[in-house]
PDB file of N, CA and C in Angstrom:
ATOM      1  N   MET A   1    -171.123-111.194  79.453  1.00  0.00           N
ATOM      2  CA  MET A   1    -171.448-109.808  79.678  1.00  0.00           C
ATOM      3  C   MET A   1    -172.452-109.682  80.827  1.00  0.00           C
ATOM      4  N   ASN A   2    -173.460-110.513  80.832  1.00  0.00           N
ATOM      5  CA  ASN A   2    -174.455-110.485  81.899  1.00  0.00           C
ATOM      6  C   ASN A   2    -173.784-110.730  83.247  1.00  0.00           C
ATOM      7  N   GLU A   3    -172.812-111.615  83.269  1.00  0.00           N
ATOM      8  CA  GLU A   3    -172.097-111.931  84.509  1.00  0.00           C
ATOM      9  C   GLU A   3    -171.345-110.712  85.038  1.00  0.00           C
ATOM     10  N   ILE A   4    -170.748-109.929  84.150  1.00  0.00           N
ATOM     11  CA  ILE A   4    -170.014-108.733  84.556  1.00  0.00           C
ATOM     12  C   ILE A   4    -170.961-107.726  85.198  1.00  0.00           C
ATOM     13  N   VAL A   5    -172.104-107.509  84.575  1.00  0.00           N
ATOM     14  CA  VAL A   5    -173.081-106.558  85.104  1.00  0.00           C
ATOM     15  C   VAL A   5    -173.656-107.073  86.418  1.00  0.00           C
ATOM     16  N   GLU A   6    -173.935-108.353  86.495  1.00  0.00           N
ATOM     17  CA  GLU A   6    -174.472-108.944  87.727  1.00  0.00           C
ATOM     18  C   GLU A   6    -173.447-108.860  88.863  1.00  0.00           C
ATOM     19  N   THR A   7    -172.191-109.078  88.568  1.00  0.00           N
ATOM     20  CA  THR A   7    -171.140-108.959  89.583  1.00  0.00           C
ATOM     21  C   THR A   7    -171.054-107.527  90.094  1.00  0.00           C
ATOM     22  N   PHE A   8    -171.160-106.572  89.183  1.00  0.00           N
ATOM     23  CA  PHE A   8    -171.143-105.171  89.587  1.00  0.00           C
ATOM     24  C   PHE A   8    -172.339-104.857  90.480  1.00  0.00           C
ATOM     25  N   ARG A   9    -173.525-105.332  90.105  1.00  0.00           N
ATOM     26  CA  ARG A   9    -174.722-105.109  90.914  1.00  0.00           C
ATOM     27  C   ARG A   9    -174.576-105.735  92.288  1.00  0.00           C
ATOM     28  N   SER A  10    -174.072-106.944  92.346  1.00  0.00           N
ATOM     29  CA  SER A  10    -173.871-107.629  93.612  1.00  0.00           C
ATOM     30  C   SER A  10    -172.865-106.879  94.493  1.00  0.00           C
ATOM     31  N   SER A  11    -171.795-106.391  93.880  1.00  0.00           N
ATOM     32  CA  SER A  11    -170.796-105.627  94.631  1.00  0.00           C
ATOM     33  C   SER A  11    -171.381-104.325  95.155  1.00  0.00           C
ATOM     34  N   GLN A  12    -172.190-103.682  94.345  1.00  0.00           N
ATOM     35  CA  GLN A  12    -172.841-102.441  94.764  1.00  0.00           C
ATOM     36  C   GLN A  12    -173.790-102.713  95.923  1.00  0.00           C
ATOM     37  N   ASN A  13    -174.510-103.809  95.850  1.00  0.00           N
ATOM     38  CA  ASN A  13    -175.421-104.190  96.927  1.00  0.00           C
ATOM     39  C   ASN A  13    -174.651-104.479  98.213  1.00  0.00           C
ATOM     40  N   SER A  14    -173.506-105.135  98.107  1.00  0.00           N
ATOM     41  CA  SER A  14    -172.676-105.415  99.280  1.00  0.00           C
ATOM     42  C   SER A  14    -172.203-104.122  99.942  1.00  0.00           C
ATOM     43  N   LEU A  15    -171.825-103.148  99.127  1.00  0.00           N
ATOM     44  CA  LEU A  15    -171.412-101.862  99.674  1.00  0.00           C
ATOM     45  C   LEU A  15    -172.573-101.189 100.398  1.00  0.00           C
ATOM     46  N   LEU A  16    -173.734-101.239  99.817  1.00  0.00           N
ATOM     47  CA  LEU A  16    -174.916-100.633 100.424  1.00  0.00           C
ATOM     48  C   LEU A  16    -175.207-101.267 101.783  1.00  0.00           C
ATOM     49  N   LEU A  17    -175.129-102.575 101.860  1.00  0.00           N
ATOM     50  CA  LEU A  17    -175.361-103.269 103.130  1.00  0.00           C
ATOM     51  C   LEU A  17    -174.302-102.904 104.162  1.00  0.00           C
ATOM     52  N   ALA A  18    -173.049-102.792 103.724  1.00  0.00           N
ATOM     53  CA  ALA A  18    -171.966-102.416 104.640  1.00  0.00           C
ATOM     54  C   ALA A  18    -172.172-100.994 105.154  1.00  0.00           C
ATOM     55  N   LEU A  19    -172.602-100.103 104.268  1.00  0.00           N
ATOM     56  CA  LEU A  19    -172.869 -98.727 104.688  1.00  0.00           C
ATOM     57  C   LEU A  19    -174.017 -98.670 105.690  1.00  0.00           C
ATOM     58  N   ASP A  20    -175.040 -99.455 105.452  1.00  0.00           N
ATOM     59  CA  ASP A  20    -176.173 -99.490 106.382  1.00  0.00           C
ATOM     60  C   ASP A  20    -175.754-100.036 107.743  1.00  0.00           C
ATOM     61  N   GLY A  21    -174.775-100.942 107.743  1.00  0.00           N
ATOM     62  CA  GLY A  21    -174.293-101.521 108.986  1.00  0.00           C
ATOM     63  C   GLY A  21    -173.258-100.672 109.705  1.00  0.00           C
ATOM     64  N   HIS A  22    -172.809 -99.595 109.067  1.00  0.00           N
ATOM     65  CA  HIS A  22    -171.784 -98.705 109.642  1.00  0.00           C
ATOM     66  C   HIS A  22    -170.537 -99.493 110.059  1.00  0.00           C
ATOM     67  N   ASP A  23    -170.207-100.503 109.275  1.00  0.00           N
ATOM     68  CA  ASP A  23    -169.060-101.365 109.555  1.00  0.00           C
ATOM     69  C   ASP A  23    -167.900-100.966 108.653  1.00  0.00           C
ATOM     70  N   SER A  24    -166.902-100.311 109.214  1.00  0.00           N
ATOM     71  CA  SER A  24    -165.816 -99.763 108.393  1.00  0.00           C
ATOM     72  C   SER A  24    -165.030-100.849 107.672  1.00  0.00           C
ATOM     73  N   ASP A  25    -164.816-101.999 108.315  1.00  0.00           N
ATOM     74  CA  ASP A  25    -164.097-103.084 107.641  1.00  0.00           C
ATOM     75  C   ASP A  25    -164.897-103.625 106.463  1.00  0.00           C
ATOM     76  N   ALA A  26    -166.186-103.802 106.678  1.00  0.00           N
ATOM     77  CA  ALA A  26    -167.050-104.297 105.592  1.00  0.00           C
ATOM     78  C   ALA A  26    -167.140-103.271 104.468  1.00  0.00           C
ATOM     79  N   ILE A  27    -167.176-101.982 104.825  1.00  0.00           N
ATOM     80  CA  ILE A  27    -167.213-100.931 103.802  1.00  0.00           C
ATOM     81  C   ILE A  27    -165.936-100.976 102.972  1.00  0.00           C
ATOM     82  N   PHE A  28    -164.800-101.135 103.632  1.00  0.00           N
ATOM     83  CA  PHE A  28    -163.518-101.195 102.928  1.00  0.00           C
ATOM     84  C   PHE A  28    -163.472-102.392 101.986  1.00  0.00           C
ATOM     85  N   GLN A  29    -163.886-103.566 102.461  1.00  0.00           N
ATOM     86  CA  GLN A  29    -163.870-104.770 101.628  1.00  0.00           C
ATOM     87  C   GLN A  29    -164.841-104.639 100.454  1.00  0.00           C
ATOM     88  N   ALA A  30    -166.039-104.136 100.728  1.00  0.00           N
ATOM     89  CA  ALA A  30    -167.027-103.979  99.665  1.00  0.00           C
ATOM     90  C   ALA A  30    -166.551-102.960  98.631  1.00  0.00           C
ATOM     91  N   SER A  31    -165.852-101.930  99.091  1.00  0.00           N
ATOM     92  CA  SER A  31    -165.315-100.927  98.161  1.00  0.00           C
ATOM     93  C   SER A  31    -164.269-101.541  97.247  1.00  0.00           C
ATOM     94  N   LYS A  32    -163.425-102.404  97.799  1.00  0.00           N
ATOM     95  CA  LYS A  32    -162.415-103.080  96.973  1.00  0.00           C
ATOM     96  C   LYS A  32    -163.075-103.976  95.935  1.00  0.00           C
ATOM     97  N   GLU A  33    -164.092-104.713  96.358  1.00  0.00           N
ATOM     98  CA  GLU A  33    -164.805-105.594  95.427  1.00  0.00           C
ATOM     99  C   GLU A  33    -165.493-104.778  94.331  1.00  0.00           C
ATOM    100  N   LEU A  34    -166.105-103.675  94.729  1.00  0.00           N
ATOM    101  CA  LEU A  34    -166.791-102.822  93.764  1.00  0.00           C
ATOM    102  C   LEU A  34    -165.807-102.218  92.774  1.00  0.00           C
ATOM    103  N   SER A  35    -164.641-101.864  93.255  1.00  0.00           N
ATOM    104  CA  SER A  35    -163.612-101.317  92.366  1.00  0.00           C
ATOM    105  C   SER A  35    -163.217-102.340  91.300  1.00  0.00           C
ATOM    106  N   GLY A  36    -163.007-103.578  91.717  1.00  0.00           N
ATOM    107  CA  GLY A  36    -162.661-104.631  90.760  1.00  0.00           C
ATOM    108  C   GLY A  36    -163.779-104.875  89.761  1.00  0.00           C
ATOM    109  N   ALA A  37    -165.017-104.854  90.246  1.00  0.00           N
ATOM    110  CA  ALA A  37    -166.167-105.046  89.354  1.00  0.00           C
ATOM    111  C   ALA A  37    -166.301-103.883  88.380  1.00  0.00           C
ATOM    112  N   ALA A  38    -165.979-102.678  88.838  1.00  0.00           N
ATOM    113  CA  ALA A  38    -166.064-101.498  87.964  1.00  0.00           C
ATOM    114  C   ALA A  38    -165.025-101.573  86.854  1.00  0.00           C
ATOM    115  N   VAL A  39    -163.848-102.075  87.174  1.00  0.00           N
ATOM    116  CA  VAL A  39    -162.801-102.232  86.154  1.00  0.00           C
ATOM    117  C   VAL A  39    -163.286-103.177  85.055  1.00  0.00           C
ATOM    118  N   LYS A  40    -163.900-104.279  85.463  1.00  0.00           N
ATOM    119  CA  LYS A  40    -164.425-105.233  84.474  1.00  0.00           C
ATOM    120  C   LYS A  40    -165.571-104.629  83.668  1.00  0.00           C
ATOM    121  N   LEU A  41    -166.416-103.834  84.335  1.00  0.00           N
ATOM    122  CA  LEU A  41    -167.538-103.217  83.649  1.00  0.00           C
ATOM    123  C   LEU A  41    -167.060-102.226  82.595  1.00  0.00           C
ATOM    124  N   ARG A  42    -165.947-101.553  82.868  1.00  0.00           N
ATOM    125  CA  ARG A  42    -165.406-100.588  81.897  1.00  0.00           C
ATOM    126  C   ARG A  42    -164.930-101.246  80.609  1.00  0.00           C
ATOM    127  N   THR A  43    -164.703-102.540  80.639  1.00  0.00           N
ATOM    128  CA  THR A  43    -164.238-103.230  79.435  1.00  0.00           C
ATOM    129  C   THR A  43    -165.366-103.412  78.416  1.00  0.00           C
ATOM    130  N   LEU A  44    -166.609-103.240  78.867  1.00  0.00           N
ATOM    131  CA  LEU A  44    -167.745-103.404  77.959  1.00  0.00           C
ATOM    132  C   LEU A  44    -167.941-102.150  77.122  1.00  0.00           C
ATOM    133  N   GLU A  45    -168.268-102.359  75.887  1.00  0.00           N
ATOM    134  CA  GLU A  45    -168.635-101.256  75.004  1.00  0.00           C
ATOM    135  C   GLU A  45    -170.145-101.068  75.087  1.00  0.00           C
ATOM    136  N   ALA A  46    -170.587 -99.836  75.011  1.00  0.00           N
ATOM    137  CA  ALA A  46    -172.028 -99.557  75.093  1.00  0.00           C
ATOM    138  C   ALA A  46    -172.804-100.316  74.021  1.00  0.00           C
ATOM    139  N   SER A  47    -172.205-100.461  72.857  1.00  0.00           N
ATOM    140  CA  SER A  47    -172.886-101.163  71.761  1.00  0.00           C
ATOM    141  C   SER A  47    -172.989-102.672  72.020  1.00  0.00           C
ATOM    142  N   ASP A  48    -172.141-103.192  72.935  1.00  0.00           N
ATOM    143  CA  ASP A  48    -172.158-104.620  73.246  1.00  0.00           C
ATOM    144  C   ASP A  48    -173.199-104.991  74.290  1.00  0.00           C
ATOM    145  N   VAL A  49    -173.726-103.991  74.982  1.00  0.00           N
ATOM    146  CA  VAL A  49    -174.666-104.267  76.067  1.00  0.00           C
ATOM    147  C   VAL A  49    -176.023-104.626  75.472  1.00  0.00           C
ATOM    148  N   ASP A  50    -176.484-105.789  75.822  1.00  0.00           N
ATOM    149  CA  ASP A  50    -177.770-106.290  75.338  1.00  0.00           C
ATOM    150  C   ASP A  50    -178.906-105.488  75.963  1.00  0.00           C
ATOM    151  N   SER A  51    -179.915-105.209  75.188  1.00  0.00           N
ATOM    152  CA  SER A  51    -181.041-104.403  75.678  1.00  0.00           C
ATOM    153  C   SER A  51    -181.759-105.085  76.844  1.00  0.00           C
ATOM    154  N   SER A  52    -181.626-106.397  76.957  1.00  0.00           N
ATOM    155  CA  SER A  52    -182.267-107.106  78.071  1.00  0.00           C
ATOM    156  C   SER A  52    -181.605-106.767  79.410  1.00  0.00           C
ATOM    157  N   LEU A  53    -180.389-106.190  79.352  1.00  0.00           N
ATOM    158  CA  LEU A  53    -179.681-105.825  80.583  1.00  0.00           C
ATOM    159  C   LEU A  53    -180.062-104.438  81.089  1.00  0.00           C
ATOM    160  N   ARG A  54    -180.829-103.706  80.324  1.00  0.00           N
ATOM    161  CA  ARG A  54    -181.172-102.330  80.736  1.00  0.00           C
ATOM    162  C   ARG A  54    -181.892-102.262  82.082  1.00  0.00           C
ATOM    163  N   PRO A  55    -182.849-103.145  82.369  1.00  0.00           N
ATOM    164  CA  PRO A  55    -183.466-103.090  83.708  1.00  0.00           C
ATOM    165  C   PRO A  55    -182.442-103.337  84.824  1.00  0.00           C
ATOM    166  N   LEU A  56    -181.507-104.239  84.586  1.00  0.00           N
ATOM    167  CA  LEU A  56    -180.464-104.513  85.573  1.00  0.00           C
ATOM    168  C   LEU A  56    -179.565-103.292  85.751  1.00  0.00           C
ATOM    169  N   MET A  57    -179.229-102.632  84.651  1.00  0.00           N
ATOM    170  CA  MET A  57    -178.396-101.430  84.729  1.00  0.00           C
ATOM    171  C   MET A  57    -179.144-100.309  85.450  1.00  0.00           C
ATOM    172  N   SER A  58    -180.453-100.237  85.262  1.00  0.00           N
ATOM    173  CA  SER A  58    -181.262 -99.245  85.963  1.00  0.00           C
ATOM    174  C   SER A  58    -181.241 -99.522  87.462  1.00  0.00           C
ATOM    175  N   GLU A  59    -181.320-100.782  87.822  1.00  0.00           N
ATOM    176  CA  GLU A  59    -181.250-101.174  89.238  1.00  0.00           C
ATOM    177  C   GLU A  59    -179.885-100.809  89.819  1.00  0.00           C
ATOM    178  N   VAL A  60    -178.846-101.049  89.057  1.00  0.00           N
ATOM    179  CA  VAL A  60    -177.493-100.709  89.510  1.00  0.00           C
ATOM    180  C   VAL A  60    -177.381 -99.200  89.738  1.00  0.00           C
ATOM    181  N   ASP A  61    -177.958 -98.423  88.841  1.00  0.00           N
ATOM    182  CA  ASP A  61    -177.922 -96.970  88.992  1.00  0.00           C
ATOM    183  C   ASP A  61    -178.626 -96.539  90.278  1.00  0.00           C
ATOM    184  N   GLU A  62    -179.758 -97.149  90.582  1.00  0.00           N
ATOM    185  CA  GLU A  62    -180.477 -96.828  91.814  1.00  0.00           C
ATOM    186  C   GLU A  62    -179.650 -97.203  93.047  1.00  0.00           C
ATOM    187  N   LEU A  63    -178.963 -98.341  92.994  1.00  0.00           N
ATOM    188  CA  LEU A  63    -178.109 -98.748  94.103  1.00  0.00           C
ATOM    189  C   LEU A  63    -176.949 -97.774  94.286  1.00  0.00           C
ATOM    190  N   MET A  64    -176.401 -97.298  93.180  1.00  0.00           N
ATOM    191  CA  MET A  64    -175.302 -96.336  93.261  1.00  0.00           C
ATOM    192  C   MET A  64    -175.789 -95.039  93.901  1.00  0.00           C
ATOM    193  N   GLN A  65    -176.961 -94.571  93.508  1.00  0.00           N
ATOM    194  CA  GLN A  65    -177.506 -93.354  94.099  1.00  0.00           C
ATOM    195  C   GLN A  65    -177.759 -93.536  95.596  1.00  0.00           C
ATOM    196  N   ALA A  66    -178.267 -94.695  95.979  1.00  0.00           N
ATOM    197  CA  ALA A  66    -178.509 -94.971  97.399  1.00  0.00           C
ATOM    198  C   ALA A  66    -177.191 -94.975  98.179  1.00  0.00           C
ATOM    199  N   SER A  67    -176.149 -95.534  97.591  1.00  0.00           N
ATOM    200  CA  SER A  67    -174.837 -95.540  98.246  1.00  0.00           C
ATOM    201  C   SER A  67    -174.302 -94.122  98.408  1.00  0.00           C
ATOM    202  N   ILE A  68    -174.488 -93.309  97.390  1.00  0.00           N
ATOM    203  CA  ILE A  68    -174.026 -91.912  97.457  1.00  0.00           C
ATOM    204  C   ILE A  68    -174.728 -91.186  98.596  1.00  0.00           C
ATOM    205  N   TYR A  69    -176.029 -91.365  98.740  1.00  0.00           N
ATOM    206  CA  TYR A  69    -176.774 -90.710  99.818  1.00  0.00           C
ATOM    207  C   TYR A  69    -176.276 -91.180 101.180  1.00  0.00           C
ATOM    208  N   ARG A  70    -176.019 -92.479 101.305  1.00  0.00           N
ATOM    209  CA  ARG A  70    -175.546 -92.999 102.588  1.00  0.00           C
ATOM    210  C   ARG A  70    -174.139 -92.488 102.909  1.00  0.00           C
ATOM    211  N   LEU A  71    -173.294 -92.420 101.889  1.00  0.00           N
ATOM    212  CA  LEU A  71    -171.947 -91.889 102.111  1.00  0.00           C
ATOM    213  C   LEU A  71    -171.996 -90.434 102.555  1.00  0.00           C
ATOM    214  N   ARG A  72    -172.859 -89.648 101.955  1.00  0.00           N
ATOM    215  CA  ARG A  72    -173.004 -88.245 102.364  1.00  0.00           C
ATOM    216  C   ARG A  72    -173.506 -88.152 103.798  1.00  0.00           C
ATOM    217  N   PHE A  73    -174.462 -89.002 104.145  1.00  0.00           N
ATOM    218  CA  PHE A  73    -174.971 -89.000 105.514  1.00  0.00           C
ATOM    219  C   PHE A  73    -173.858 -89.353 106.492  1.00  0.00           C
ATOM    220  N   LEU A  74    -173.104 -90.415 106.203  1.00  0.00           N
ATOM    221  CA  LEU A  74    -172.023 -90.818 107.100  1.00  0.00           C
ATOM    222  C   LEU A  74    -170.963 -89.726 107.224  1.00  0.00           C
ATOM    223  N   ARG A  75    -170.651 -89.061 106.108  1.00  0.00           N
ATOM    224  CA  ARG A  75    -169.680 -87.967 106.151  1.00  0.00           C
ATOM    225  C   ARG A  75    -170.176 -86.853 107.057  1.00  0.00           C
ATOM    226  N   ASP A  76    -171.428 -86.449 106.880  1.00  0.00           N
ATOM    227  CA  ASP A  76    -171.988 -85.385 107.703  1.00  0.00           C
ATOM    228  C   ASP A  76    -172.080 -85.796 109.168  1.00  0.00           C
ATOM    229  N   HIS A  77    -172.483 -87.025 109.401  1.00  0.00           N
ATOM    230  CA  HIS A  77    -172.591 -87.531 110.771  1.00  0.00           C
ATOM    231  C   HIS A  77    -171.218 -87.560 111.443  1.00  0.00           C
ATOM    232  N   SER A  78    -170.212 -88.031 110.725  1.00  0.00           N
ATOM    233  CA  SER A  78    -168.856 -88.077 111.281  1.00  0.00           C
ATOM    234  C   SER A  78    -168.328 -86.676 111.543  1.00  0.00           C
ATOM    235  N   SER A  79    -168.589 -85.766 110.636  1.00  0.00           N
ATOM    236  CA  SER A  79    -168.155 -84.380 110.811  1.00  0.00           C
ATOM    237  C   SER A  79    -168.788 -83.771 112.056  1.00  0.00           C
ATOM    238  N   THR A  80    -170.068 -84.003 112.241  1.00  0.00           N
ATOM    239  CA  THR A  80    -170.761 -83.482 113.420  1.00  0.00           C
ATOM    240  C   THR A  80    -170.184 -84.075 114.696  1.00  0.00           C
ATOM    241  N   ARG A  81    -169.940 -85.371 114.694  1.00  0.00           N
ATOM    242  CA  ARG A  81    -169.366 -86.014 115.877  1.00  0.00           C
ATOM    243  C   ARG A  81    -167.986 -85.478 116.191  1.00  0.00           C
ATOM    244  N   LEU A  82    -167.169 -85.269 115.161  1.00  0.00           N
ATOM    245  CA  LEU A  82    -165.836 -84.710 115.392  1.00  0.00           C
ATOM    246  C   LEU A  82    -165.918 -83.300 115.958  1.00  0.00           C
ATOM    247  N   GLN A  83    -166.852 -82.512 115.452  1.00  0.00           N
ATOM    248  CA  GLN A  83    -167.026 -81.165 115.983  1.00  0.00           C
ATOM    249  C   GLN A  83    -167.446 -81.198 117.443  1.00  0.00           C
ATOM    250  N   LEU A  84    -168.348 -82.092 117.785  1.00  0.00           N
ATOM    251  CA  LEU A  84    -168.782 -82.211 119.175  1.00  0.00           C
ATOM    252  C   LEU A  84    -167.640 -82.683 120.068  1.00  0.00           C
ATOM    253  N   LEU A  85    -166.877 -83.640 119.593  1.00  0.00           N
ATOM    254  CA  LEU A  85    -165.749 -84.142 120.378  1.00  0.00           C
ATOM    255  C   LEU A  85    -164.662 -83.093 120.582  1.00  0.00           C
ATOM    256  N   SER A  86    -164.516 -82.217 119.610  1.00  0.00           N
ATOM    257  CA  SER A  86    -163.480 -81.194 119.718  1.00  0.00           C
ATOM    258  C   SER A  86    -163.949 -79.969 120.491  1.00  0.00           C
ATOM    259  N   GLY A  87    -165.189 -79.973 120.952  1.00  0.00           N
ATOM    260  CA  GLY A  87    -165.708 -78.866 121.733  1.00  0.00           C
ATOM    261  C   GLY A  87    -166.206 -77.715 120.893  1.00  0.00           C
ATOM    262  N   TRP A  88    -166.601 -77.980 119.678  1.00  0.00           N
ATOM    263  CA  TRP A  88    -167.077 -76.933 118.767  1.00  0.00           C
ATOM    264  C   TRP A  88    -168.315 -76.264 119.368  1.00  0.00           C
ATOM    265  N   ARG A  89    -168.263 -74.943 119.422  1.00  0.00           N
ATOM    266  CA  ARG A  89    -169.409 -74.152 119.874  1.00  0.00           C
ATOM    267  C   ARG A  89    -169.545 -72.954 118.954  1.00  0.00           C
ATOM    268  N   ALA A  90    -170.714 -72.570 118.620  1.00  0.00           N
ATOM    269  CA  ALA A  90    -171.048 -71.372 117.847  1.00  0.00           C
ATOM    270  C   ALA A  90    -169.837 -70.593 117.354  1.00  0.00           C
ATOM    271  N   ASN A  91    -169.326 -71.011 116.229  1.00  0.00           N
ATOM    272  CA  ASN A  91    -168.204 -70.338 115.560  1.00  0.00           C
ATOM    273  C   ASN A  91    -166.901 -70.367 116.347  1.00  0.00           C
ATOM    274  N   GLN A  92    -166.777 -71.261 117.297  1.00  0.00           N
ATOM    275  CA  GLN A  92    -165.536 -71.356 118.051  1.00  0.00           C
ATOM    276  C   GLN A  92    -165.321 -72.809 118.455  1.00  0.00           C
ATOM    277  N   ALA A  93    -164.114 -73.272 118.298  1.00  0.00           N
ATOM    278  CA  ALA A  93    -163.778 -74.628 118.718  1.00  0.00           C
ATOM    279  C   ALA A  93    -162.730 -74.557 119.812  1.00  0.00           C
ATOM    280  N   ASP A  94    -162.891 -75.390 120.850  1.00  0.00           N
ATOM    281  CA  ASP A  94    -161.862 -75.461 121.881  1.00  0.00           C
ATOM    282  C   ASP A  94    -160.638 -76.137 121.295  1.00  0.00           C
ATOM    283  N   THR A  95    -159.517 -75.538 121.522  1.00  0.00           N
ATOM    284  CA  THR A  95    -158.255 -76.131 121.074  1.00  0.00           C
ATOM    285  C   THR A  95    -157.310 -76.174 122.271  1.00  0.00           C
ATOM    286  N   TYR A  96    -156.059 -76.452 122.033  1.00  0.00           N
ATOM    287  CA  TYR A  96    -155.103 -76.506 123.128  1.00  0.00           C
ATOM    288  C   TYR A  96    -154.859 -75.139 123.750  1.00  0.00           C
ATOM    289  N   SER A  97    -155.083 -74.086 122.981  1.00  0.00           N
ATOM    290  CA  SER A  97    -154.943 -72.742 123.547  1.00  0.00           C
ATOM    291  C   SER A  97    -156.329 -72.247 123.956  1.00  0.00           C
ATOM    292  N   ASN A  98    -156.404 -71.655 125.105  1.00  0.00           N
ATOM    293  CA  ASN A  98    -157.667 -71.154 125.623  1.00  0.00           C
ATOM    294  C   ASN A  98    -157.648 -69.627 125.513  1.00  0.00           C
ATOM    295  N   PRO A  99    -158.545 -69.047 124.708  1.00  0.00           N
ATOM    296  CA  PRO A  99    -158.524 -67.598 124.529  1.00  0.00           C
ATOM    297  C   PRO A  99    -158.738 -66.856 125.843  1.00  0.00           C
ATOM    298  N   GLY A 100    -159.378 -67.488 126.819  1.00  0.00           N
ATOM    299  CA  GLY A 100    -159.595 -66.839 128.103  1.00  0.00           C
ATOM    300  C   GLY A 100    -158.333 -66.704 128.923  1.00  0.00           C
ATOM    301  N   ARG A 101    -157.308 -67.481 128.612  1.00  0.00           N
ATOM    302  CA  ARG A 101    -156.041 -67.401 129.342  1.00  0.00           C
ATOM    303  C   ARG A 101    -155.049 -66.488 128.638  1.00  0.00           C
ATOM    304  N   GLY A 102    -155.485 -65.843 127.578  1.00  0.00           N
ATOM    305  CA  GLY A 102    -154.623 -64.905 126.886  1.00  0.00           C
ATOM    306  C   GLY A 102    -153.606 -65.534 125.942  1.00  0.00           C
ATOM    307  N   ARG A 103    -153.813 -66.733 125.548  1.00  0.00           N
ATOM    308  CA  ARG A 103    -152.897 -67.391 124.619  1.00  0.00           C
ATOM    309  C   ARG A 103    -153.444 -67.430 123.241  1.00  0.00           C
TER     310      ARG A 103
END
């Protein structure tokens, strides 16, 4: 049981490092590993979890929250970059049709 929780924590940490590195391949691989670890973690019953694992589970929760914040930041950052690349200006985005040409 401890091994399952430790594997999940390690996978979560790997995802966090990949997110910090802004490496899409590493993020994808870490996400796959985390998914597999989450499947194994779901096999545990709450009553089976030893109380000595609670600090580790608390650490895992903090890592998950940190990953969520980084994912939100990356989403917002990517959205902003896409808007800038597409010519987004104050409630108007440049597209293939130019309103000044009457199209």
